[in-house]
N, C-alpha and C. Protein backbone atom coordinates (compact mmCIF):
# COMPACT_ATOMS: atom_id res chain seq x y z
N UNK A 1 5.35 -87.83 9.47
CA UNK A 1 5.51 -86.56 8.87
C UNK A 1 6.06 -86.30 7.59
N UNK A 2 5.39 -85.73 6.80
CA UNK A 2 5.82 -85.35 5.28
C UNK A 2 6.99 -84.57 5.27
N UNK A 3 8.04 -85.33 4.82
CA UNK A 3 9.32 -84.38 4.29
C UNK A 3 9.16 -83.51 3.21
N UNK A 4 9.92 -82.41 3.46
CA UNK A 4 9.81 -81.21 2.35
C UNK A 4 11.28 -80.77 2.19
N UNK A 5 11.38 -80.63 0.77
CA UNK A 5 12.86 -80.02 0.52
C UNK A 5 12.58 -78.42 0.34
N UNK A 6 11.63 -77.95 0.86
CA UNK A 6 11.26 -76.41 0.73
C UNK A 6 12.02 -75.85 1.93
N UNK A 7 12.89 -74.79 1.87
CA UNK A 7 13.32 -74.15 3.02
C UNK A 7 12.20 -73.08 3.45
N UNK A 8 12.37 -72.44 4.78
CA UNK A 8 11.48 -71.76 5.33
C UNK A 8 11.43 -70.57 4.55
N UNK A 9 12.57 -70.11 4.00
CA UNK A 9 12.59 -68.72 3.32
C UNK A 9 11.81 -68.70 2.02
N UNK A 10 11.47 -70.02 1.39
CA UNK A 10 10.76 -70.36 0.20
C UNK A 10 9.20 -70.04 0.54
N UNK A 11 8.91 -70.11 1.80
CA UNK A 11 7.50 -70.02 2.19
C UNK A 11 7.16 -68.74 2.71
N UNK A 12 6.19 -68.01 2.13
CA UNK A 12 5.76 -66.52 2.80
C UNK A 12 4.37 -66.88 3.44
N UNK A 13 4.31 -65.98 4.66
CA UNK A 13 2.91 -65.65 5.22
C UNK A 13 2.13 -64.86 4.33
N UNK A 14 0.76 -64.90 4.81
CA UNK A 14 0.06 -64.51 4.00
C UNK A 14 0.35 -62.82 4.08
N UNK A 15 0.76 -62.35 5.13
CA UNK A 15 1.14 -60.81 5.03
C UNK A 15 2.49 -60.41 4.33
N UNK A 16 3.35 -61.35 4.16
CA UNK A 16 4.44 -61.15 3.25
C UNK A 16 4.08 -61.32 1.90
N UNK A 17 3.02 -62.19 1.57
CA UNK A 17 2.59 -62.41 0.15
C UNK A 17 1.85 -61.06 -0.36
N UNK A 18 1.26 -60.49 0.64
CA UNK A 18 0.36 -59.22 0.27
C UNK A 18 1.26 -58.07 0.23
N UNK A 19 2.41 -58.01 0.98
CA UNK A 19 3.42 -57.08 0.70
C UNK A 19 3.95 -56.98 -0.83
N UNK A 20 4.31 -58.21 -1.01
CA UNK A 20 4.92 -58.36 -2.43
C UNK A 20 4.06 -57.95 -3.47
N UNK A 21 2.67 -58.45 -3.58
CA UNK A 21 1.70 -57.84 -4.31
C UNK A 21 1.16 -56.56 -4.15
N UNK A 22 1.46 -56.11 -3.35
CA UNK A 22 0.90 -54.76 -2.77
C UNK A 22 -0.46 -54.54 -2.85
N UNK A 23 -1.15 -55.67 -2.11
CA UNK A 23 -2.62 -55.60 -1.82
C UNK A 23 -2.94 -55.92 -0.25
N UNK A 24 -4.05 -55.78 0.25
CA UNK A 24 -4.24 -56.07 1.63
C UNK A 24 -4.33 -57.61 1.95
N UNK A 25 -4.09 -58.09 3.10
CA UNK A 25 -4.30 -59.42 3.40
C UNK A 25 -5.64 -59.90 3.14
N UNK A 26 -6.59 -59.16 3.35
CA UNK A 26 -8.12 -59.39 3.11
C UNK A 26 -8.21 -59.77 1.70
N UNK A 27 -7.48 -59.04 0.89
CA UNK A 27 -7.61 -59.34 -0.60
C UNK A 27 -7.12 -60.67 -0.90
N UNK A 28 -6.06 -61.20 -0.46
CA UNK A 28 -5.49 -62.60 -0.65
C UNK A 28 -6.61 -63.57 0.04
N UNK A 29 -7.09 -63.40 1.28
CA UNK A 29 -8.10 -64.27 1.75
C UNK A 29 -9.27 -64.33 0.85
N UNK A 30 -9.74 -63.28 0.26
CA UNK A 30 -10.71 -63.14 -0.66
C UNK A 30 -10.66 -63.96 -1.91
N UNK A 31 -9.29 -64.03 -2.37
CA UNK A 31 -8.87 -64.76 -3.59
C UNK A 31 -8.82 -66.16 -3.30
N UNK A 32 -8.49 -66.55 -2.00
CA UNK A 32 -8.33 -67.97 -1.47
C UNK A 32 -9.68 -68.49 -1.61
N UNK A 33 -10.62 -67.73 -1.04
CA UNK A 33 -12.07 -68.26 -0.98
C UNK A 33 -12.70 -68.40 -2.11
N UNK A 34 -12.48 -67.43 -3.17
CA UNK A 34 -12.91 -67.46 -4.55
C UNK A 34 -12.42 -68.57 -5.30
N UNK A 35 -11.04 -68.92 -4.73
CA UNK A 35 -10.50 -70.06 -5.52
C UNK A 35 -9.61 -69.30 -6.69
N UNK A 36 -9.24 -68.01 -6.57
CA UNK A 36 -8.76 -67.31 -7.76
C UNK A 36 -7.19 -67.48 -7.55
N UNK A 37 -6.51 -67.80 -6.34
CA UNK A 37 -5.51 -68.21 -6.28
C UNK A 37 -5.19 -69.30 -5.08
N UNK A 38 -4.85 -70.44 -5.76
CA UNK A 38 -5.22 -71.87 -4.98
C UNK A 38 -3.99 -72.08 -4.42
N UNK A 39 -2.79 -71.61 -4.59
CA UNK A 39 -1.27 -72.18 -4.09
C UNK A 39 -1.14 -71.88 -2.59
N UNK A 40 -2.14 -72.40 -1.54
CA UNK A 40 -1.86 -72.15 -0.30
C UNK A 40 -1.42 -73.52 0.47
N UNK A 41 -0.54 -73.52 1.29
CA UNK A 41 -0.28 -74.68 2.04
C UNK A 41 -0.41 -74.43 3.53
N UNK A 42 -0.96 -75.28 4.26
CA UNK A 42 -1.49 -75.10 5.52
C UNK A 42 -0.39 -75.84 6.47
N UNK A 43 0.41 -75.33 7.14
CA UNK A 43 1.55 -76.01 7.85
C UNK A 43 1.49 -75.58 9.21
N UNK A 44 1.40 -76.49 10.47
CA UNK A 44 1.19 -76.12 11.68
C UNK A 44 0.15 -75.24 11.89
N UNK A 45 -1.06 -75.00 11.26
CA UNK A 45 -2.16 -74.23 11.36
C UNK A 45 -1.83 -72.79 10.94
N UNK A 46 -0.68 -72.62 10.32
CA UNK A 46 -0.57 -71.35 9.26
C UNK A 46 -0.73 -71.54 7.90
N UNK A 47 -1.13 -70.57 7.36
CA UNK A 47 -1.30 -70.54 5.86
C UNK A 47 -0.27 -70.06 5.15
N UNK A 48 0.53 -70.63 4.24
CA UNK A 48 1.59 -70.24 3.72
C UNK A 48 1.55 -70.16 2.11
N UNK A 49 2.28 -69.52 1.45
CA UNK A 49 2.26 -69.43 0.02
C UNK A 49 3.78 -69.60 -0.32
N UNK A 50 4.21 -70.66 -1.35
CA UNK A 50 5.44 -70.88 -1.86
C UNK A 50 5.74 -69.76 -2.69
N UNK A 51 7.08 -69.22 -2.39
CA UNK A 51 7.53 -68.05 -3.39
C UNK A 51 7.41 -68.23 -4.92
N UNK A 52 7.64 -69.56 -5.35
CA UNK A 52 7.57 -69.97 -6.79
C UNK A 52 6.01 -69.98 -7.30
N UNK A 53 5.13 -70.14 -6.32
CA UNK A 53 3.71 -70.25 -6.65
C UNK A 53 3.11 -68.75 -6.91
N UNK A 54 3.77 -67.91 -5.85
CA UNK A 54 3.61 -66.68 -5.90
C UNK A 54 3.88 -65.85 -7.29
N UNK A 55 5.29 -66.24 -7.58
CA UNK A 55 5.95 -65.74 -8.79
C UNK A 55 4.89 -66.10 -9.91
N UNK A 56 4.49 -67.30 -10.19
CA UNK A 56 3.66 -67.72 -11.29
C UNK A 56 2.41 -67.06 -11.15
N UNK A 57 1.74 -66.72 -10.31
CA UNK A 57 0.44 -66.16 -10.13
C UNK A 57 0.82 -64.64 -10.49
N UNK A 58 1.85 -64.17 -10.40
CA UNK A 58 2.23 -62.65 -10.88
C UNK A 58 2.23 -62.66 -12.29
N UNK A 59 2.89 -63.68 -12.94
CA UNK A 59 3.43 -63.94 -14.59
C UNK A 59 1.89 -64.13 -14.99
N UNK A 60 1.09 -64.94 -14.46
CA UNK A 60 -0.21 -65.08 -15.21
C UNK A 60 -1.28 -63.90 -14.91
N UNK A 61 -0.96 -63.13 -14.03
CA UNK A 61 -1.87 -62.21 -13.79
C UNK A 61 -1.61 -60.69 -14.79
N UNK A 62 -0.21 -60.68 -15.43
CA UNK A 62 0.18 -59.68 -16.14
C UNK A 62 -0.70 -59.34 -17.42
N UNK A 63 -0.73 -58.13 -17.33
CA UNK A 63 -1.66 -57.95 -18.62
C UNK A 63 -0.90 -57.75 -19.69
N UNK A 64 -1.49 -58.22 -21.24
CA UNK A 64 -0.51 -57.94 -22.45
C UNK A 64 -0.39 -56.37 -22.51
N UNK A 65 0.81 -56.26 -23.26
CA UNK A 65 1.14 -54.98 -23.72
C UNK A 65 -0.19 -54.33 -24.29
N UNK A 66 -0.44 -53.05 -24.29
CA UNK A 66 -1.54 -52.30 -25.04
C UNK A 66 -2.74 -52.76 -24.68
N UNK A 67 -2.95 -53.62 -23.34
CA UNK A 67 -4.34 -53.97 -22.94
C UNK A 67 -4.78 -52.76 -21.95
N UNK A 68 -3.95 -51.93 -21.75
CA UNK A 68 -4.16 -50.91 -20.77
C UNK A 68 -5.18 -49.59 -21.17
């Protein structure tokens, strides 16, 4: 078994990640299939997202000021 220094609180379910991003779970699944967001981990049959990866995704997705 692979050891990990990640605590369970650092890993989010797709539902938790969707809540943080304020999108539907289906949107996250779509991003996964389209390879828009690749930072998924499958552990014990569950698909999880690391909190740091989610934060990086949010930072990369931010629009520059004046782009709106």
